[in-house]
Amino acid sequence: MLQVTCAIIEHNNKVLICQRSATMKLPMKWEFPGGKIEQDESKEDCLQREIKEELGMIITIDRALKPVEYQYPDFSICLYPFICRWESGQVVPTEHKQAIWVDASELLNYDWAEADLPIVREYLSL
């Protein structure tokens, strides 16, 4: 099972979402950015590293939401979501097709990766 973190990054009453590229698993699906936890790495350190590598951003982690386990046809994932704030850096997606800021009220209008959907729902219920 893949152990993965993801960031719900808030800034100016908007949330950052990313669209997977055509060459990634789950092509063109939307997700919260993040990545795989490396050996001996904390979830928080992983998330800050991945966001800096994938988007060129520095974030502050505010709090965790409930982890989500999901079984895709060819792999399983445990996703650890965190609500975060943008601190500095420009949003420059290096792996995703695009990264956009949206109002929380618009989140369900996107075609999400299945593991991210429970996170979207929990976030909207806060």
N, C-alpha and C. Protein backbone atom coordinates (compact mmCIF):
# COMPACT_ATOMS: atom_id res chain seq x y z
N MET A 1 0.84 -1.18 0.00
CA MET A 1 0.00 0.00 0.00
C MET A 1 0.89 1.25 0.00
N LEU A 2 0.62 2.15 -0.94
CA LEU A 2 1.38 3.39 -1.01
C LEU A 2 0.95 4.31 0.13
N GLN A 3 1.92 4.91 0.80
CA GLN A 3 1.68 5.88 1.86
C GLN A 3 1.96 7.26 1.27
N VAL A 4 0.91 8.08 1.16
CA VAL A 4 1.00 9.33 0.41
C VAL A 4 0.38 10.47 1.22
N THR A 5 1.00 11.64 1.18
CA THR A 5 0.44 12.83 1.81
C THR A 5 -0.19 13.71 0.74
N CYS A 6 -1.12 14.56 1.17
CA CYS A 6 -1.66 15.56 0.24
C CYS A 6 -2.01 16.83 1.00
N ALA A 7 -1.91 17.96 0.29
CA ALA A 7 -2.11 19.28 0.89
C ALA A 7 -3.35 19.95 0.33
N ILE A 8 -4.20 20.40 1.22
CA ILE A 8 -5.31 21.27 0.85
C ILE A 8 -4.78 22.67 1.17
N ILE A 9 -4.23 23.33 0.16
CA ILE A 9 -3.54 24.61 0.36
C ILE A 9 -4.54 25.75 0.18
N GLU A 10 -4.69 26.54 1.23
CA GLU A 10 -5.62 27.67 1.21
C GLU A 10 -4.85 28.97 1.04
N HIS A 11 -5.45 29.90 0.29
CA HIS A 11 -4.87 31.24 0.12
C HIS A 11 -5.96 32.16 -0.45
N ASN A 12 -6.16 33.28 0.18
CA ASN A 12 -7.16 34.27 -0.28
C ASN A 12 -8.53 33.63 -0.53
N ASN A 13 -8.98 32.81 0.41
CA ASN A 13 -10.29 32.16 0.32
C ASN A 13 -10.44 31.22 -0.87
N LYS A 14 -9.31 30.71 -1.36
CA LYS A 14 -9.34 29.74 -2.45
C LYS A 14 -8.50 28.53 -2.04
N VAL A 15 -8.65 27.44 -2.81
CA VAL A 15 -7.93 26.19 -2.56
C VAL A 15 -7.20 25.79 -3.84
N LEU A 16 -5.97 25.30 -3.70
CA LEU A 16 -5.18 24.89 -4.86
C LEU A 16 -5.49 23.43 -5.19
N ILE A 17 -5.86 23.18 -6.46
CA ILE A 17 -6.05 21.80 -6.93
C ILE A 17 -5.18 21.59 -8.17
N CYS A 18 -4.81 20.34 -8.38
CA CYS A 18 -3.90 20.01 -9.48
C CYS A 18 -4.50 18.93 -10.37
N GLN A 19 -4.26 19.08 -11.67
CA GLN A 19 -4.72 18.08 -12.64
C GLN A 19 -3.54 17.22 -13.04
N ARG A 20 -3.71 15.91 -12.91
CA ARG A 20 -2.66 14.97 -13.28
C ARG A 20 -2.41 15.04 -14.79
N SER A 21 -1.18 14.80 -15.19
CA SER A 21 -0.84 14.84 -16.61
C SER A 21 -1.34 13.58 -17.31
N ALA A 22 -1.33 13.60 -18.62
CA ALA A 22 -1.80 12.46 -19.42
C ALA A 22 -0.91 11.24 -19.24
N THR A 23 0.34 11.42 -18.80
CA THR A 23 1.28 10.30 -18.66
C THR A 23 1.31 9.71 -17.25
N MET A 24 0.63 10.32 -16.31
CA MET A 24 0.60 9.82 -14.93
C MET A 24 -0.47 8.74 -14.78
N LYS A 25 -0.36 7.93 -13.69
CA LYS A 25 -1.49 7.07 -13.34
C LYS A 25 -2.68 7.98 -13.08
N LEU A 26 -3.87 7.48 -13.33
CA LEU A 26 -5.10 8.29 -13.19
C LEU A 26 -5.00 9.57 -14.01
N PRO A 27 -4.72 9.44 -15.31
CA PRO A 27 -4.49 10.61 -16.16
C PRO A 27 -5.67 11.58 -16.17
N MET A 28 -5.34 12.85 -16.10
CA MET A 28 -6.26 13.99 -16.21
C MET A 28 -7.21 14.14 -15.02
N LYS A 29 -7.10 13.28 -14.03
CA LYS A 29 -7.92 13.43 -12.82
C LYS A 29 -7.38 14.58 -11.97
N TRP A 30 -8.25 15.16 -11.17
CA TRP A 30 -7.86 16.23 -10.26
C TRP A 30 -7.52 15.64 -8.89
N GLU A 31 -6.60 16.31 -8.19
CA GLU A 31 -6.18 15.85 -6.88
C GLU A 31 -5.62 17.02 -6.09
N PHE A 32 -5.47 16.78 -4.78
CA PHE A 32 -4.72 17.70 -3.97
C PHE A 32 -3.25 17.30 -4.09
N PRO A 33 -2.33 18.26 -4.24
CA PRO A 33 -0.93 17.92 -4.46
C PRO A 33 -0.28 17.27 -3.24
N GLY A 34 0.74 16.47 -3.49
CA GLY A 34 1.48 15.80 -2.43
C GLY A 34 2.34 14.71 -3.02
N GLY A 35 2.66 13.70 -2.22
CA GLY A 35 3.49 12.64 -2.76
C GLY A 35 3.80 11.56 -1.74
N LYS A 36 4.59 10.58 -2.19
CA LYS A 36 4.91 9.40 -1.39
C LYS A 36 5.85 9.74 -0.24
N ILE A 37 5.55 9.13 0.90
CA ILE A 37 6.39 9.29 2.09
C ILE A 37 7.62 8.41 1.94
N GLU A 38 8.80 9.01 2.10
CA GLU A 38 10.04 8.25 2.01
C GLU A 38 10.35 7.61 3.36
N GLN A 39 11.23 6.60 3.33
CA GLN A 39 11.60 5.90 4.56
C GLN A 39 12.17 6.90 5.58
N ASP A 40 11.75 6.76 6.84
CA ASP A 40 12.22 7.61 7.94
C ASP A 40 11.84 9.08 7.77
N GLU A 41 10.82 9.37 6.99
CA GLU A 41 10.37 10.75 6.78
C GLU A 41 9.00 10.92 7.46
N SER A 42 8.81 12.01 8.16
CA SER A 42 7.50 12.26 8.76
C SER A 42 6.52 12.68 7.66
N LYS A 43 5.25 12.53 7.94
CA LYS A 43 4.23 12.95 6.97
C LYS A 43 4.36 14.44 6.66
N GLU A 44 4.60 15.23 7.70
CA GLU A 44 4.71 16.69 7.51
C GLU A 44 5.93 17.05 6.68
N ASP A 45 7.07 16.42 6.97
CA ASP A 45 8.29 16.69 6.18
C ASP A 45 8.09 16.28 4.73
N CYS A 46 7.45 15.13 4.53
CA CYS A 46 7.16 14.66 3.17
C CYS A 46 6.32 15.70 2.42
N LEU A 47 5.28 16.17 3.06
CA LEU A 47 4.37 17.09 2.38
C LEU A 47 5.07 18.39 2.01
N GLN A 48 5.85 18.94 2.93
CA GLN A 48 6.56 20.19 2.62
C GLN A 48 7.57 19.98 1.50
N ARG A 49 8.28 18.84 1.52
CA ARG A 49 9.25 18.53 0.45
C ARG A 49 8.55 18.39 -0.89
N GLU A 50 7.48 17.59 -0.93
CA GLU A 50 6.78 17.34 -2.19
C GLU A 50 6.19 18.64 -2.78
N ILE A 51 5.61 19.47 -1.96
CA ILE A 51 5.01 20.72 -2.46
C ILE A 51 6.09 21.64 -3.01
N LYS A 52 7.24 21.67 -2.34
CA LYS A 52 8.35 22.49 -2.86
C LYS A 52 8.86 21.93 -4.19
N GLU A 53 9.02 20.58 -4.27
CA GLU A 53 9.53 19.96 -5.50
C GLU A 53 8.53 20.07 -6.65
N GLU A 54 7.26 19.79 -6.40
CA GLU A 54 6.26 19.72 -7.47
C GLU A 54 5.70 21.07 -7.87
N LEU A 55 5.68 22.03 -6.92
CA LEU A 55 5.00 23.30 -7.20
C LEU A 55 5.86 24.54 -6.92
N GLY A 56 7.01 24.37 -6.29
CA GLY A 56 7.87 25.52 -5.98
C GLY A 56 7.33 26.40 -4.87
N MET A 57 6.49 25.84 -4.01
CA MET A 57 5.84 26.61 -2.95
C MET A 57 6.33 26.21 -1.57
N ILE A 58 6.31 27.17 -0.67
CA ILE A 58 6.54 26.92 0.75
C ILE A 58 5.18 27.00 1.43
N ILE A 59 4.86 25.99 2.25
CA ILE A 59 3.56 25.96 2.92
C ILE A 59 3.75 25.81 4.42
N THR A 60 2.71 26.21 5.15
CA THR A 60 2.61 25.94 6.58
C THR A 60 1.48 24.95 6.76
N ILE A 61 1.73 23.90 7.54
CA ILE A 61 0.72 22.88 7.79
C ILE A 61 -0.08 23.27 9.03
N ASP A 62 -1.39 23.36 8.88
CA ASP A 62 -2.26 23.74 10.00
C ASP A 62 -2.79 22.53 10.76
N ARG A 63 -3.40 21.58 10.05
CA ARG A 63 -3.94 20.41 10.76
C ARG A 63 -4.23 19.28 9.79
N ALA A 64 -4.32 18.08 10.37
CA ALA A 64 -4.58 16.87 9.58
C ALA A 64 -6.08 16.61 9.51
N LEU A 65 -6.49 15.99 8.41
CA LEU A 65 -7.84 15.45 8.29
C LEU A 65 -7.72 13.92 8.39
N LYS A 66 -8.85 13.23 8.27
CA LYS A 66 -8.84 11.76 8.39
C LYS A 66 -8.11 11.12 7.21
N PRO A 67 -7.24 10.13 7.47
CA PRO A 67 -6.60 9.39 6.37
C PRO A 67 -7.66 8.62 5.57
N VAL A 68 -7.35 8.41 4.30
CA VAL A 68 -8.26 7.68 3.40
C VAL A 68 -7.50 6.50 2.80
N GLU A 69 -8.08 5.30 2.92
CA GLU A 69 -7.53 4.14 2.23
C GLU A 69 -8.42 3.85 1.04
N TYR A 70 -7.77 3.60 -0.12
CA TYR A 70 -8.55 3.33 -1.33
C TYR A 70 -7.83 2.28 -2.16
N GLN A 71 -8.61 1.36 -2.70
CA GLN A 71 -8.07 0.30 -3.55
C GLN A 71 -8.43 0.60 -5.01
N TYR A 72 -7.44 1.01 -5.79
CA TYR A 72 -7.61 1.15 -7.24
C TYR A 72 -7.45 -0.23 -7.86
N PRO A 73 -7.79 -0.42 -9.14
CA PRO A 73 -7.65 -1.75 -9.75
C PRO A 73 -6.22 -2.31 -9.70
N ASP A 74 -5.20 -1.44 -9.81
CA ASP A 74 -3.83 -1.94 -9.88
C ASP A 74 -2.92 -1.49 -8.74
N PHE A 75 -3.44 -0.75 -7.75
CA PHE A 75 -2.64 -0.38 -6.58
C PHE A 75 -3.57 0.12 -5.48
N SER A 76 -3.03 0.12 -4.26
CA SER A 76 -3.81 0.66 -3.13
C SER A 76 -3.02 1.81 -2.51
N ILE A 77 -3.77 2.71 -1.87
CA ILE A 77 -3.17 3.93 -1.36
C ILE A 77 -3.75 4.26 0.01
N CYS A 78 -2.91 4.79 0.87
CA CYS A 78 -3.37 5.41 2.11
C CYS A 78 -2.96 6.87 2.00
N LEU A 79 -3.94 7.73 1.96
CA LEU A 79 -3.73 9.16 1.70
C LEU A 79 -3.91 9.93 3.01
N TYR A 80 -2.90 10.72 3.37
CA TYR A 80 -2.91 11.52 4.60
C TYR A 80 -3.08 13.00 4.23
N PRO A 81 -4.28 13.55 4.40
CA PRO A 81 -4.52 14.94 4.01
C PRO A 81 -4.24 15.93 5.15
N PHE A 82 -3.73 17.09 4.76
CA PHE A 82 -3.46 18.18 5.70
C PHE A 82 -3.99 19.49 5.12
N ILE A 83 -4.63 20.28 5.98
CA ILE A 83 -5.00 21.63 5.59
C ILE A 83 -3.77 22.51 5.81
N CYS A 84 -3.41 23.27 4.77
CA CYS A 84 -2.17 24.05 4.78
C CYS A 84 -2.45 25.48 4.30
N ARG A 85 -1.47 26.34 4.53
CA ARG A 85 -1.53 27.71 4.03
C ARG A 85 -0.32 27.97 3.14
N TRP A 86 -0.54 28.70 2.05
CA TRP A 86 0.55 29.14 1.19
C TRP A 86 1.34 30.20 1.93
N GLU A 87 2.66 30.07 1.94
CA GLU A 87 3.51 31.06 2.60
C GLU A 87 4.30 31.88 1.58
N SER A 88 4.94 31.18 0.62
CA SER A 88 5.74 31.90 -0.38
C SER A 88 5.99 30.99 -1.58
N GLY A 89 6.56 31.61 -2.62
CA GLY A 89 6.86 30.89 -3.86
C GLY A 89 5.74 31.05 -4.87
N GLN A 90 6.10 30.91 -6.12
CA GLN A 90 5.11 30.96 -7.20
C GLN A 90 4.66 29.54 -7.52
N VAL A 91 3.41 29.39 -7.90
CA VAL A 91 2.89 28.07 -8.26
C VAL A 91 3.40 27.72 -9.66
N VAL A 92 4.35 26.77 -9.71
CA VAL A 92 4.91 26.32 -10.98
C VAL A 92 4.83 24.80 -11.01
N PRO A 93 3.77 24.24 -11.64
CA PRO A 93 3.65 22.78 -11.65
C PRO A 93 4.72 22.12 -12.51
N THR A 94 5.47 21.19 -11.91
CA THR A 94 6.53 20.50 -12.66
C THR A 94 6.08 19.11 -13.11
N GLU A 95 5.07 18.53 -12.45
CA GLU A 95 4.61 17.19 -12.82
C GLU A 95 3.17 17.20 -13.31
N HIS A 96 2.36 18.10 -12.81
CA HIS A 96 0.95 18.13 -13.17
C HIS A 96 0.72 18.92 -14.46
N LYS A 97 -0.40 18.64 -15.11
CA LYS A 97 -0.78 19.40 -16.30
C LYS A 97 -1.05 20.85 -15.93
N GLN A 98 -1.77 21.04 -14.81
CA GLN A 98 -2.05 22.40 -14.35
C GLN A 98 -2.36 22.40 -12.86
N ALA A 99 -2.19 23.57 -12.26
CA ALA A 99 -2.55 23.81 -10.86
C ALA A 99 -3.34 25.11 -10.84
N ILE A 100 -4.53 25.07 -10.24
CA ILE A 100 -5.39 26.25 -10.25
C ILE A 100 -5.98 26.50 -8.86
N TRP A 101 -6.27 27.77 -8.59
CA TRP A 101 -6.95 28.16 -7.36
C TRP A 101 -8.44 28.22 -7.64
N VAL A 102 -9.24 27.56 -6.79
CA VAL A 102 -10.69 27.56 -6.97
C VAL A 102 -11.38 27.85 -5.64
N ASP A 103 -12.61 28.34 -5.71
CA ASP A 103 -13.43 28.49 -4.52
C ASP A 103 -13.80 27.09 -4.02
N ALA A 104 -13.85 26.92 -2.72
CA ALA A 104 -14.23 25.62 -2.15
C ALA A 104 -15.59 25.17 -2.68
N SER A 105 -16.48 26.10 -2.92
CA SER A 105 -17.82 25.76 -3.41
C SER A 105 -17.79 25.11 -4.79
N GLU A 106 -16.67 25.24 -5.51
CA GLU A 106 -16.53 24.68 -6.86
C GLU A 106 -15.85 23.31 -6.87
N LEU A 107 -15.36 22.84 -5.74
CA LEU A 107 -14.53 21.63 -5.72
C LEU A 107 -15.23 20.41 -6.33
N LEU A 108 -16.50 20.23 -6.07
CA LEU A 108 -17.19 19.04 -6.58
C LEU A 108 -17.48 19.11 -8.08
N ASN A 109 -17.15 20.22 -8.72
CA ASN A 109 -17.35 20.35 -10.17
C ASN A 109 -16.23 19.69 -10.98
N TYR A 110 -15.20 19.17 -10.31
CA TYR A 110 -14.04 18.61 -11.00
C TYR A 110 -14.07 17.08 -10.94
N ASP A 111 -13.37 16.45 -11.90
CA ASP A 111 -13.30 14.99 -12.00
C ASP A 111 -12.13 14.51 -11.13
N TRP A 112 -12.40 14.22 -9.86
CA TRP A 112 -11.38 13.90 -8.87
C TRP A 112 -10.91 12.45 -8.97
N ALA A 113 -9.64 12.23 -8.60
CA ALA A 113 -9.16 10.88 -8.34
C ALA A 113 -10.01 10.33 -7.20
N GLU A 114 -10.40 9.07 -7.29
CA GLU A 114 -11.36 8.50 -6.34
C GLU A 114 -10.90 8.61 -4.89
N ALA A 115 -9.61 8.44 -4.61
CA ALA A 115 -9.13 8.51 -3.24
C ALA A 115 -9.24 9.92 -2.66
N ASP A 116 -9.26 10.93 -3.51
CA ASP A 116 -9.35 12.31 -3.04
C ASP A 116 -10.79 12.73 -2.72
N LEU A 117 -11.77 12.04 -3.28
CA LEU A 117 -13.17 12.45 -3.07
C LEU A 117 -13.60 12.49 -1.61
N PRO A 118 -13.28 11.48 -0.79
CA PRO A 118 -13.67 11.59 0.62
C PRO A 118 -13.01 12.78 1.32
N ILE A 119 -11.82 13.16 0.88
CA ILE A 119 -11.12 14.31 1.45
C ILE A 119 -11.85 15.59 1.06
N VAL A 120 -12.25 15.70 -0.20
CA VAL A 120 -13.01 16.86 -0.65
C VAL A 120 -14.28 16.98 0.19
N ARG A 121 -14.98 15.87 0.39
CA ARG A 121 -16.24 15.90 1.15
C ARG A 121 -16.01 16.29 2.60
N GLU A 122 -14.95 15.73 3.23
CA GLU A 122 -14.67 16.10 4.62
C GLU A 122 -14.33 17.57 4.72
N TYR A 123 -13.49 18.06 3.81
CA TYR A 123 -13.10 19.47 3.82
C TYR A 123 -14.33 20.38 3.69
N LEU A 124 -15.24 20.03 2.79
CA LEU A 124 -16.43 20.85 2.59
C LEU A 124 -17.37 20.81 3.79
N SER A 125 -17.26 19.78 4.62
CA SER A 125 -18.15 19.66 5.79
C SER A 125 -17.62 20.43 7.01
N LEU A 126 -16.40 20.94 6.91
CA LEU A 126 -15.80 21.67 8.08
C LEU A 126 -16.46 23.00 8.31
